[in-house]
């Protein structure tokens, strides 16, 4: 059970996060996008035919990033 390690949370830059959110919302994508290519190398996005889709890892990272805004305190 030593190979079971906690995955490191990726911290994305603002353009990467917006691209990831855009892909999850199925916004139209440009044929060439250097930021999207970075996300592909990170293994967060995969091309499925003509469309782009988030990998399970990409979905987790996107969810973690959206929750980060709310962490570190509570609202009254």
N, C-alpha and C. Protein backbone atom coordinates (compact mmCIF):
# COMPACT_ATOMS: atom_id res chain seq x y z
N UNK A 1 0.80 -1.21 0.00
CA UNK A 1 0.00 0.00 0.00
C UNK A 1 0.85 1.27 0.00
N UNK A 2 2.14 1.13 -0.26
CA UNK A 2 3.00 2.31 -0.25
C UNK A 2 2.84 3.14 -1.52
N UNK A 3 2.35 2.50 -2.60
CA UNK A 3 2.22 3.25 -3.86
C UNK A 3 0.98 4.16 -3.85
N UNK A 4 0.17 4.07 -2.81
CA UNK A 4 -1.01 4.92 -2.70
C UNK A 4 -0.59 6.27 -2.12
N UNK A 5 -0.36 7.22 -3.01
CA UNK A 5 0.07 8.54 -2.56
C UNK A 5 -0.98 9.57 -2.89
N UNK A 6 -1.04 10.60 -2.09
CA UNK A 6 -1.98 11.69 -2.35
C UNK A 6 -1.50 12.47 -3.57
N UNK A 7 -2.40 12.70 -4.51
CA UNK A 7 -2.03 13.44 -5.71
C UNK A 7 -1.78 14.90 -5.37
N UNK A 8 -0.72 15.44 -5.98
CA UNK A 8 -0.40 16.84 -5.76
C UNK A 8 -1.42 17.71 -6.48
N UNK A 9 -1.95 18.69 -5.79
CA UNK A 9 -2.93 19.57 -6.40
C UNK A 9 -2.22 20.57 -7.30
N UNK A 10 -2.67 20.61 -8.54
CA UNK A 10 -2.06 21.53 -9.49
C UNK A 10 -2.63 22.93 -9.28
N UNK A 11 -1.75 23.90 -9.32
CA UNK A 11 -2.19 25.29 -9.23
C UNK A 11 -2.08 25.88 -10.63
N UNK A 12 -3.22 26.19 -11.20
CA UNK A 12 -3.26 26.69 -12.57
C UNK A 12 -3.23 28.21 -12.59
N UNK A 13 -2.69 28.74 -13.68
CA UNK A 13 -2.73 30.18 -13.87
C UNK A 13 -4.14 30.57 -14.31
N UNK A 14 -4.44 31.85 -14.25
CA UNK A 14 -5.78 32.32 -14.61
C UNK A 14 -6.18 31.92 -16.04
N UNK A 15 -5.32 32.13 -17.06
CA UNK A 15 -5.73 31.71 -18.40
C UNK A 15 -5.97 30.21 -18.52
N UNK A 16 -5.17 29.41 -17.81
CA UNK A 16 -5.35 27.96 -17.85
C UNK A 16 -6.69 27.58 -17.23
N UNK A 17 -7.02 28.25 -16.11
CA UNK A 17 -8.27 27.94 -15.43
C UNK A 17 -9.48 28.31 -16.31
N UNK A 18 -9.41 29.49 -16.95
CA UNK A 18 -10.53 29.91 -17.81
C UNK A 18 -10.66 28.97 -19.00
N UNK A 19 -9.54 28.52 -19.55
CA UNK A 19 -9.59 27.58 -20.67
C UNK A 19 -10.24 26.27 -20.22
N UNK A 20 -9.85 25.80 -19.04
CA UNK A 20 -10.41 24.56 -18.50
C UNK A 20 -11.90 24.72 -18.25
N UNK A 21 -12.30 25.88 -17.69
CA UNK A 21 -13.73 26.13 -17.45
C UNK A 21 -14.48 26.22 -18.78
N UNK A 22 -13.86 26.85 -19.78
CA UNK A 22 -14.48 26.96 -21.09
C UNK A 22 -14.70 25.60 -21.73
N UNK A 23 -13.72 24.71 -21.56
CA UNK A 23 -13.84 23.37 -22.11
C UNK A 23 -14.94 22.59 -21.39
N UNK A 24 -15.04 22.78 -20.08
CA UNK A 24 -16.06 22.05 -19.34
C UNK A 24 -17.45 22.55 -19.69
N UNK A 25 -17.55 23.82 -20.08
CA UNK A 25 -18.85 24.39 -20.49
C UNK A 25 -19.12 24.21 -21.97
N UNK A 26 -18.25 23.48 -22.65
CA UNK A 26 -18.39 23.19 -24.08
C UNK A 26 -18.42 24.45 -24.95
N UNK A 27 -17.63 25.44 -24.56
CA UNK A 27 -17.54 26.63 -25.41
C UNK A 27 -16.79 26.28 -26.68
N UNK A 28 -17.07 26.97 -27.79
CA UNK A 28 -16.34 26.68 -29.03
C UNK A 28 -14.85 26.93 -28.88
N UNK A 29 -14.05 26.04 -29.44
CA UNK A 29 -12.61 26.11 -29.27
C UNK A 29 -11.92 26.49 -30.58
N UNK A 30 -10.84 27.23 -30.46
CA UNK A 30 -10.03 27.57 -31.63
C UNK A 30 -9.22 26.34 -32.04
N UNK A 31 -8.87 26.24 -33.33
CA UNK A 31 -8.06 25.08 -33.75
C UNK A 31 -6.70 25.03 -33.07
N UNK A 32 -6.08 26.19 -32.86
CA UNK A 32 -4.80 26.23 -32.17
C UNK A 32 -4.92 27.09 -30.93
N UNK A 33 -4.51 26.54 -29.82
CA UNK A 33 -4.57 27.26 -28.55
C UNK A 33 -3.41 26.80 -27.68
N UNK A 34 -2.38 27.67 -27.51
CA UNK A 34 -1.21 27.23 -26.74
C UNK A 34 -1.52 26.89 -25.29
N UNK A 35 -2.50 27.58 -24.69
CA UNK A 35 -2.85 27.29 -23.30
C UNK A 35 -3.51 25.92 -23.20
N UNK A 36 -4.37 25.62 -24.17
CA UNK A 36 -5.01 24.30 -24.18
C UNK A 36 -3.97 23.21 -24.37
N UNK A 37 -2.96 23.49 -25.20
CA UNK A 37 -1.88 22.52 -25.41
C UNK A 37 -1.13 22.24 -24.11
N UNK A 38 -0.96 23.30 -23.29
CA UNK A 38 -0.32 23.10 -21.98
C UNK A 38 -1.17 22.18 -21.12
N UNK A 39 -2.48 22.37 -21.14
CA UNK A 39 -3.39 21.53 -20.36
C UNK A 39 -3.36 20.09 -20.84
N UNK A 40 -3.16 19.90 -22.15
CA UNK A 40 -3.06 18.54 -22.70
C UNK A 40 -1.81 17.86 -22.17
N UNK A 41 -0.68 18.60 -22.14
CA UNK A 41 0.56 18.00 -21.63
C UNK A 41 0.46 17.70 -20.14
N UNK A 42 -0.35 18.47 -19.42
CA UNK A 42 -0.57 18.19 -17.99
C UNK A 42 -1.51 17.00 -17.80
N UNK A 43 -2.17 16.59 -18.88
CA UNK A 43 -3.09 15.45 -18.79
C UNK A 43 -4.45 15.82 -18.25
N UNK A 44 -4.85 17.09 -18.41
CA UNK A 44 -6.14 17.54 -17.89
C UNK A 44 -7.22 17.55 -18.97
N UNK A 45 -6.78 17.60 -20.23
CA UNK A 45 -7.71 17.71 -21.35
C UNK A 45 -7.34 16.68 -22.40
N UNK A 46 -8.35 16.15 -23.08
CA UNK A 46 -8.09 15.17 -24.15
C UNK A 46 -9.01 15.50 -25.33
N UNK A 47 -8.50 15.24 -26.53
CA UNK A 47 -9.30 15.51 -27.73
C UNK A 47 -10.12 14.28 -28.07
N UNK A 48 -11.42 14.49 -28.25
CA UNK A 48 -12.31 13.39 -28.63
C UNK A 48 -12.96 13.76 -29.95
N UNK A 49 -12.41 13.27 -31.03
CA UNK A 49 -12.91 13.62 -32.36
C UNK A 49 -12.66 15.10 -32.63
N UNK A 50 -13.72 15.84 -32.91
CA UNK A 50 -13.58 17.27 -33.17
C UNK A 50 -13.71 18.09 -31.90
N UNK A 51 -14.15 17.44 -30.80
CA UNK A 51 -14.38 18.17 -29.56
C UNK A 51 -13.29 17.89 -28.54
N UNK A 52 -13.24 18.74 -27.53
CA UNK A 52 -12.30 18.57 -26.43
C UNK A 52 -13.07 18.22 -25.17
N UNK A 53 -12.48 17.35 -24.36
CA UNK A 53 -13.14 16.93 -23.13
C UNK A 53 -12.14 16.94 -21.99
N UNK A 54 -12.66 17.11 -20.79
CA UNK A 54 -11.82 17.07 -19.59
C UNK A 54 -11.60 15.63 -19.17
N UNK A 55 -10.40 15.32 -18.75
CA UNK A 55 -10.13 14.00 -18.18
C UNK A 55 -10.64 14.02 -16.74
N UNK A 56 -10.78 12.85 -16.10
CA UNK A 56 -11.20 12.84 -14.69
C UNK A 56 -10.29 13.70 -13.81
N UNK A 57 -8.99 13.69 -14.12
CA UNK A 57 -8.04 14.53 -13.37
C UNK A 57 -8.37 16.00 -13.59
N UNK A 58 -8.67 16.37 -14.81
CA UNK A 58 -9.02 17.75 -15.13
C UNK A 58 -10.25 18.21 -14.39
N UNK A 59 -11.24 17.32 -14.27
CA UNK A 59 -12.46 17.66 -13.54
C UNK A 59 -12.16 17.89 -12.07
N UNK A 60 -11.30 17.04 -11.50
CA UNK A 60 -10.94 17.18 -10.09
C UNK A 60 -10.22 18.50 -9.84
N UNK A 61 -9.28 18.83 -10.73
CA UNK A 61 -8.50 20.07 -10.58
C UNK A 61 -9.41 21.27 -10.70
N UNK A 62 -10.33 21.24 -11.64
CA UNK A 62 -11.26 22.35 -11.82
C UNK A 62 -12.14 22.52 -10.59
N UNK A 63 -12.62 21.41 -10.03
CA UNK A 63 -13.46 21.48 -8.84
C UNK A 63 -12.66 22.01 -7.65
N UNK A 64 -11.42 21.56 -7.52
CA UNK A 64 -10.58 22.01 -6.41
C UNK A 64 -10.27 23.49 -6.53
N UNK A 65 -10.03 23.96 -7.75
CA UNK A 65 -9.73 25.38 -7.94
C UNK A 65 -10.94 26.25 -7.65
N UNK A 66 -12.13 25.79 -7.97
CA UNK A 66 -13.31 26.61 -7.71
C UNK A 66 -13.62 26.63 -6.22
N UNK A 67 -13.26 25.57 -5.50
CA UNK A 67 -13.50 25.54 -4.06
C UNK A 67 -12.49 26.37 -3.30
N UNK A 68 -11.34 26.63 -3.91
CA UNK A 68 -10.28 27.33 -3.21
C UNK A 68 -10.70 28.75 -2.84
N UNK A 69 -11.55 29.35 -3.66
CA UNK A 69 -12.03 30.72 -3.37
C UNK A 69 -12.73 30.79 -2.03
N UNK A 70 -13.41 29.71 -1.69
CA UNK A 70 -14.23 29.72 -0.48
C UNK A 70 -13.45 29.25 0.75
N UNK A 71 -12.26 28.73 0.57
CA UNK A 71 -11.51 28.21 1.71
C UNK A 71 -10.86 29.33 2.50
N UNK A 72 -10.54 29.05 3.72
CA UNK A 72 -9.82 30.03 4.54
C UNK A 72 -10.75 30.99 5.26
N UNK A 73 -11.90 30.52 5.63
CA UNK A 73 -12.80 31.41 6.37
C UNK A 73 -14.23 31.00 6.14
N UNK A 74 -15.11 31.74 6.75
CA UNK A 74 -16.52 31.44 6.56
C UNK A 74 -17.29 32.75 6.47
N UNK A 75 -18.41 32.69 5.78
CA UNK A 75 -19.22 33.91 5.65
C UNK A 75 -20.36 33.87 6.65
N UNK A 76 -20.73 35.02 7.14
CA UNK A 76 -21.79 35.10 8.15
C UNK A 76 -23.10 35.44 7.49
